Protein backbone atom coordinates (compact mmCIF):
# COMPACT_ATOMS: atom_id res chain seq x y z
CA MET A 1 23.04 -6.99 -22.72
CA ILE A 2 21.30 -10.30 -22.09
CA PRO A 3 17.58 -10.05 -22.99
CA ASP A 4 16.46 -12.36 -20.18
CA ALA A 5 18.73 -10.76 -17.55
CA THR A 6 17.07 -10.09 -14.21
CA GLY A 7 17.54 -6.33 -14.61
CA ILE A 8 15.83 -6.03 -18.00
CA ARG A 9 12.07 -5.58 -18.37
CA SER A 10 10.08 -7.40 -21.02
CA ASP A 11 10.18 -4.20 -23.13
CA GLY A 12 14.00 -4.29 -23.12
CA THR A 13 14.54 -1.32 -20.76
CA PRO A 14 16.56 -1.70 -17.56
CA TYR A 15 15.16 -1.47 -14.05
CA ARG A 16 16.62 1.62 -12.36
CA VAL A 17 18.14 1.36 -8.89
CA LEU A 18 19.20 3.75 -6.14
CA VAL A 19 21.80 2.22 -3.81
CA VAL A 20 21.94 3.68 -0.29
CA ASP A 21 24.80 2.44 1.91
CA ASP A 22 27.46 4.12 4.04
CA SER A 23 29.99 1.43 3.05
CA VAL A 24 31.63 2.36 -0.25
CA PHE A 25 32.66 -1.28 -0.63
CA ILE A 26 29.11 -2.64 -0.20
CA ALA A 27 27.63 0.06 -2.47
CA LYS A 28 30.17 -0.77 -5.17
CA GLN A 29 29.65 -4.53 -4.76
CA LEU A 30 25.85 -4.19 -4.99
CA SER A 31 26.18 -1.92 -8.02
CA GLN A 32 28.48 -4.40 -9.78
CA ILE A 33 26.17 -7.36 -9.09
CA LEU A 34 23.14 -5.45 -10.36
CA THR A 35 24.76 -3.88 -13.45
CA SER A 36 26.07 -7.33 -14.47
CA GLU A 37 22.41 -8.35 -14.80
CA GLY A 38 21.38 -5.30 -16.81
CA PHE A 39 20.13 -3.02 -14.02
CA GLU A 40 20.90 0.68 -14.33
CA ILE A 41 22.33 2.30 -11.19
CA LEU A 42 20.81 5.79 -11.06
CA GLY A 43 22.78 6.85 -8.04
CA ILE A 44 24.54 5.94 -4.84
CA ALA A 45 23.90 7.70 -1.53
CA ALA A 46 26.08 7.42 1.59
CA ASP A 47 23.39 7.80 4.26
CA GLY A 48 19.64 7.78 4.75
CA ALA A 49 19.21 11.56 4.48
CA GLN A 50 21.11 11.68 1.19
CA GLY A 51 19.20 8.61 -0.02
CA LEU A 52 15.87 10.29 0.70
CA ASP A 53 16.97 13.46 -1.13
CA ARG A 54 18.23 11.47 -4.13
CA TYR A 55 14.99 9.45 -4.24
CA LYS A 56 12.90 12.63 -4.28
CA GLU A 57 15.10 14.14 -7.04
CA MET A 58 14.87 11.02 -9.22
CA HIS A 59 11.22 10.13 -8.57
CA PRO A 60 9.36 8.64 -10.46
CA ASN A 61 12.35 7.17 -12.30
CA VAL A 62 13.49 4.83 -9.50
CA ASP A 63 12.23 1.24 -9.72
CA LEU A 64 14.09 -0.11 -6.70
CA VAL A 65 15.99 1.18 -3.66
CA THR A 66 18.53 -0.89 -1.74
CA LEU A 67 18.78 0.59 1.75
CA ASP A 68 21.31 -0.26 4.43
CA ILE A 69 19.72 -0.42 7.89
CA THR A 70 22.63 0.97 9.93
CA MET A 71 23.95 4.34 8.65
CA PRO A 72 24.98 7.72 10.05
CA LYS A 73 22.79 10.88 9.89
CA MET A 74 19.57 8.98 9.13
CA ASP A 75 19.32 5.21 9.59
CA GLY A 76 17.70 2.92 7.05
CA LEU A 77 14.44 2.50 8.98
CA SER A 78 13.86 6.26 9.17
CA ALA A 79 14.79 6.66 5.50
CA LEU A 80 12.42 3.81 4.58
CA GLU A 81 9.53 5.47 6.42
CA LYS A 82 10.24 8.86 4.81
CA ILE A 83 10.61 7.39 1.31
CA LEU A 84 7.28 5.57 1.73
CA GLU A 85 5.63 8.75 3.08
CA PHE A 86 6.79 10.49 -0.10
CA ASP A 87 5.90 7.56 -2.41
CA LYS A 88 3.73 4.77 -0.97
CA ASP A 89 4.55 2.58 -4.01
CA ALA A 90 8.34 2.73 -3.57
CA VAL A 91 10.02 -0.69 -3.77
CA VAL A 92 12.69 -0.89 -1.07
CA ILE A 93 14.94 -3.81 -0.13
CA MET A 94 16.80 -3.51 3.16
CA VAL A 95 20.47 -4.55 3.41
CA SER A 96 22.03 -5.54 6.73
CA ALA A 97 24.42 -7.84 8.53
CA LEU A 98 23.20 -10.92 10.33
CA GLY A 99 22.01 -10.40 13.89
CA LYS A 100 19.72 -7.46 13.12
CA GLU A 101 16.52 -9.53 13.02
CA ASP A 102 14.60 -7.06 15.22
CA LEU A 103 15.41 -4.21 12.82
CA VAL A 104 14.50 -6.36 9.82
CA LYS A 105 11.09 -7.11 11.35
CA LYS A 106 10.53 -3.39 11.92
CA ALA A 107 11.53 -2.71 8.30
CA PHE A 108 9.00 -5.23 6.95
CA ILE A 109 6.28 -3.77 9.18
CA ALA A 110 7.20 -0.30 7.89
CA GLY A 111 6.85 -1.47 4.28
CA ALA A 112 10.14 -2.93 3.04
CA LYS A 113 9.59 -5.48 0.26
CA GLY A 114 12.68 -7.60 0.87
CA PHE A 115 15.91 -8.11 2.73
CA ILE A 116 19.50 -8.85 1.66
CA VAL A 117 22.06 -10.15 4.18
CA LYS A 118 25.69 -9.02 4.30
CA PRO A 119 28.17 -10.30 3.33
CA LEU A 120 26.60 -10.11 -0.11
CA ASP A 121 26.08 -13.30 -2.07
CA ARG A 122 25.54 -12.64 -5.79
CA SER A 123 22.88 -15.30 -6.36
CA LYS A 124 20.96 -14.37 -3.18
CA VAL A 125 21.06 -10.65 -4.07
CA LEU A 126 19.66 -11.36 -7.54
CA GLU A 127 17.07 -13.80 -6.19
CA ARG A 128 15.78 -11.26 -3.64
CA VAL A 129 15.73 -8.43 -6.15
CA ALA A 130 13.95 -10.58 -8.75
CA SER A 131 11.30 -11.49 -6.18
CA VAL A 132 10.30 -7.85 -5.60
CA ILE A 133 10.51 -6.26 -9.06
CA LYS A 134 7.52 -6.45 -11.34
CA LYS A 135 8.24 -7.86 -14.77
C-alpha cells in the first residue's frame, strides 16, 4: 500500500466506497481503479434501490458513493435524493455517459459532489474522487 495513494487518509486508513452501477463491467472497472489507489470497496449495488439499502446498512462507515445516473428500479437521481435525506453529509459522485448534461445539472442541484464521465478514464476518475474526499 502506497502511503500517499489517493485512497489512503493521513492516518493510514483507507477511504471506504460503495459503488452503485447496473453495469457489472463499469462497477468492476471503478472498483479496480479505486482499489489500486488504496480505497476499500465496501460493496457494490446493481441499482439505486439496492444502493440505498446498502448505504443505510453500512452507514456511517461509507466515505464515498459512486452512483450511476441511469439504472433500473430506482435511478441515480432518486437514489441520490434518498441517500441525502438519510444522511445529509453523504459524499456522492455521479457516473454517467456523455450527453446527460441535464441529469448531471439536476444531480448537482440535488447535492452530488462530483461527476465522472463514461467511458471511465483512470486519471480523471482519481482526480474527481480526490477533489471530493476530505484528507
